[in-house]
Amino acid sequence: IFYLFKQNTMKHVFIFSALVIFSLASYAINKTPAPVLEPNNKKVVQTFHEVFQHAENVVWAHSHQLYEASFTSDAVRVTALLDKNGNLIRTLKYYKEDDLPSNILFQIKKQYHTQQVWGVTEVSEESGIYYFIILRDDAHWYHLKADGQGEIELQSKAERGDI
C-alpha cells in the first residue's frame, strides 16, 4: 500500500481503488440475508406455527429456497430451517447443561467428571438427534458429539486461549 502512494501514479491509485471496491462488494454479496417479519409462503408459516407454538421474538431470513426462523422457546434459543414446501429440515437448539437429556449428562459426568459443560448445540434432523457439547477445564476446551442413545465421542481437545 505504501509503495502505491510512494509511486503516486494514476495507474497504481486506480488499482488500489479497484481492490477496495471489489473487497467491499464481496463483503456485501456474502452477507446474511436481511431479516423479514414473516415469509409470504403460507406452507412455511403454517408448519412453523403448528410446530413452534411457544416461539417468541421470531426473526426470519430467506435464501436459496430455504427459510430460517430464529427465536426463543421456553428460554432456549432455537433456529429452525424449513424448505419452500413447509417441510422442517433441521432444528438447532442452544442451551446449557440443565437441558441435556439425563442419559447424556450421566455419561458426560461419568467420563469427564473434572470438566464443566460450557454449552450445548442440539441438532435435530431426519437422520436423528445429535448433541454437540463443549466442555472446559482450567487448561482445555473439549468438543464432544453425542447421539440420542448417550454414545459420546471426543471430537477435539484444544488448549484454552482465553485464560
Protein backbone atom coordinates (compact mmCIF):
# COMPACT_ATOMS: atom_id res chain seq x y z
CA ILE A 1 0.00 0.00 0.00
CA PHE A 2 2.75 2.41 0.91
CA TYR A 3 4.50 1.56 -2.34
CA LEU A 4 1.41 2.63 -4.29
CA PHE A 5 1.29 6.01 -2.65
CA LYS A 6 5.04 6.48 -2.98
CA GLN A 7 4.86 5.96 -6.73
CA ASN A 8 1.87 8.32 -6.94
CA THR A 9 0.81 7.20 -10.38
CA MET A 10 -2.79 7.14 -11.54
CA LYS A 11 -2.42 3.51 -12.54
CA HIS A 12 -1.48 2.44 -9.00
CA VAL A 13 -4.20 4.56 -7.40
CA PHE A 14 -6.75 3.07 -9.79
CA ILE A 15 -5.66 -0.50 -8.96
CA PHE A 16 -5.78 0.21 -5.24
CA SER A 17 -9.26 1.77 -5.55
CA ALA A 18 -10.49 -1.18 -7.60
CA LEU A 19 -9.24 -3.60 -4.94
CA VAL A 20 -11.05 -1.69 -2.19
CA ILE A 21 -14.29 -1.59 -4.18
CA PHE A 22 -14.00 -5.31 -5.03
CA SER A 23 -13.44 -6.18 -1.36
CA LEU A 24 -16.45 -4.17 -0.24
CA ALA A 25 -18.63 -5.69 -2.96
CA SER A 26 -17.55 -9.21 -1.99
CA TYR A 27 -18.41 -8.50 1.62
CA ALA A 28 -21.86 -7.18 0.68
CA ILE A 29 -22.63 -10.20 -1.51
CA ASN A 30 -21.66 -12.72 1.19
CA LYS A 31 -23.65 -11.09 3.98
CA THR A 32 -26.53 -12.96 5.59
CA PRO A 33 -29.87 -12.05 4.03
CA ALA A 34 -31.78 -9.27 5.73
CA PRO A 35 -34.37 -10.46 8.25
CA VAL A 36 -38.03 -10.28 7.30
CA LEU A 37 -41.09 -10.14 9.56
CA GLU A 38 -42.73 -13.30 8.25
CA PRO A 39 -42.42 -15.12 4.92
CA ASN A 40 -45.12 -14.86 2.27
CA ASN A 41 -45.08 -18.65 1.95
CA LYS A 42 -48.24 -19.96 3.68
CA LYS A 43 -46.94 -23.55 3.94
CA VAL A 44 -43.83 -22.40 5.79
CA VAL A 45 -45.78 -20.17 8.15
CA GLN A 46 -48.38 -22.87 8.85
CA THR A 47 -45.75 -25.51 9.67
CA PHE A 48 -43.86 -23.07 11.86
CA HIS A 49 -46.93 -22.11 13.92
CA GLU A 50 -48.00 -25.76 14.28
CA VAL A 51 -44.60 -26.97 15.47
CA PHE A 52 -43.37 -23.97 17.46
CA GLN A 53 -46.45 -22.72 19.28
CA HIS A 54 -44.45 -21.06 22.06
CA ALA A 55 -41.98 -19.20 19.83
CA GLU A 56 -41.15 -15.65 20.89
CA ASN A 57 -39.05 -12.91 19.29
CA VAL A 58 -39.07 -14.63 15.89
CA VAL A 59 -36.70 -13.31 13.22
CA TRP A 60 -36.98 -14.73 9.69
CA ALA A 61 -34.42 -14.94 6.89
CA HIS A 62 -34.87 -16.41 3.41
CA SER A 63 -32.37 -17.59 0.82
CA HIS A 64 -31.95 -20.35 -1.77
CA GLN A 65 -35.42 -21.89 -1.37
CA LEU A 66 -34.93 -22.19 2.40
CA TYR A 67 -36.50 -20.27 5.26
CA GLU A 68 -34.75 -19.77 8.59
CA ALA A 69 -36.53 -18.76 11.77
CA SER A 70 -34.52 -17.76 14.84
CA PHE A 71 -36.43 -17.42 18.09
CA THR A 72 -36.66 -18.33 21.74
CA SER A 73 -38.93 -21.00 23.16
CA ASP A 74 -39.10 -21.68 26.89
CA ALA A 75 -35.94 -19.58 27.38
CA VAL A 76 -33.98 -21.69 24.84
CA ARG A 77 -32.54 -20.15 21.67
CA VAL A 78 -33.74 -22.04 18.60
CA THR A 79 -33.08 -21.91 14.86
CA ALA A 80 -35.44 -23.78 12.53
CA LEU A 81 -34.78 -24.40 8.84
CA LEU A 82 -37.75 -25.08 6.54
CA ASP A 83 -37.96 -25.66 2.80
CA LYS A 84 -40.36 -23.88 0.43
CA ASN A 85 -42.91 -26.72 0.83
CA GLY A 86 -43.12 -26.18 4.57
CA ASN A 87 -41.05 -29.24 5.50
CA LEU A 88 -38.98 -28.88 8.64
CA ILE A 89 -35.40 -29.68 7.57
CA ARG A 90 -33.40 -29.05 10.73
CA THR A 91 -33.76 -27.58 14.18
CA LEU A 92 -30.87 -26.25 16.25
CA LYS A 93 -31.24 -25.56 19.96
CA TYR A 94 -28.62 -23.80 22.04
CA TYR A 95 -28.61 -24.35 25.79
CA LYS A 96 -26.66 -25.25 28.90
CA GLU A 97 -26.15 -28.44 30.89
CA ASP A 98 -29.57 -28.37 32.59
CA ASP A 99 -31.45 -29.13 29.36
CA LEU A 100 -29.34 -32.11 28.29
CA PRO A 101 -31.12 -35.49 28.35
CA SER A 102 -30.25 -37.33 31.56
CA ASN A 103 -28.59 -40.30 29.81
CA ILE A 104 -26.14 -38.00 28.02
CA LEU A 105 -25.49 -35.86 31.09
CA PHE A 106 -24.80 -39.03 33.08
CA GLN A 107 -22.20 -40.21 30.53
CA ILE A 108 -20.52 -36.80 30.50
CA LYS A 109 -20.33 -36.63 34.30
CA LYS A 110 -19.00 -40.19 34.35
CA GLN A 111 -16.31 -39.74 31.67
CA TYR A 112 -15.47 -36.04 32.13
CA HIS A 113 -16.07 -35.52 35.85
CA THR A 114 -13.49 -32.72 36.22
CA GLN A 115 -14.75 -30.66 33.24
CA GLN A 116 -17.62 -28.19 33.17
CA VAL A 117 -20.30 -28.09 30.45
CA TRP A 118 -19.90 -24.73 28.74
CA GLY A 119 -22.59 -25.05 26.07
CA VAL A 120 -24.72 -27.43 24.03
CA THR A 121 -26.00 -27.35 20.46
CA GLU A 122 -28.73 -29.87 19.77
CA VAL A 123 -29.21 -30.71 16.10
CA SER A 124 -32.44 -32.43 15.14
CA GLU A 125 -32.91 -33.61 11.56
CA GLU A 126 -34.32 -36.57 9.64
CA SER A 127 -31.30 -38.76 10.40
CA GLY A 128 -31.66 -38.26 14.15
CA ILE A 129 -30.82 -36.00 17.06
CA TYR A 130 -27.21 -35.16 17.83
CA TYR A 131 -25.67 -33.11 20.62
CA PHE A 132 -22.51 -31.08 20.20
CA ILE A 133 -21.21 -30.33 23.66
CA ILE A 134 -18.39 -28.04 24.68
CA LEU A 135 -16.65 -28.74 27.97
CA ARG A 136 -13.86 -26.83 29.61
CA ASP A 137 -11.47 -27.15 32.48
CA ASP A 138 -8.64 -24.92 33.70
CA ALA A 139 -6.46 -25.63 30.66
CA HIS A 140 -8.52 -27.11 27.80
CA TRP A 141 -11.67 -27.00 25.66
CA TYR A 142 -13.28 -30.33 24.76
CA HIS A 143 -15.68 -30.76 21.83
CA LEU A 144 -17.91 -33.81 22.14
CA LYS A 145 -20.57 -35.32 19.92
CA ALA A 146 -23.32 -37.45 21.41
CA ASP A 147 -26.24 -39.29 19.90
CA GLY A 148 -29.68 -39.88 21.37
CA GLN A 149 -28.61 -43.18 22.92
CA GLY A 150 -25.93 -41.48 25.00
CA GLU A 151 -22.90 -42.58 22.97
CA ILE A 152 -20.26 -39.89 23.37
CA GLU A 153 -17.30 -39.26 21.10
CA LEU A 154 -14.48 -36.76 21.69
CA GLN A 155 -14.21 -34.66 18.51
CA SER A 156 -11.33 -32.42 19.58
CA LYS A 157 -9.35 -31.12 22.53
CA ALA A 158 -7.63 -27.74 22.46
CA GLU A 159 -5.70 -25.57 24.85
CA ARG A 160 -7.66 -22.65 26.17
CA GLY A 161 -6.54 -19.32 24.80
CA ASP A 162 -8.89 -17.28 26.96
CA ILE A 163 -7.01 -17.65 30.23
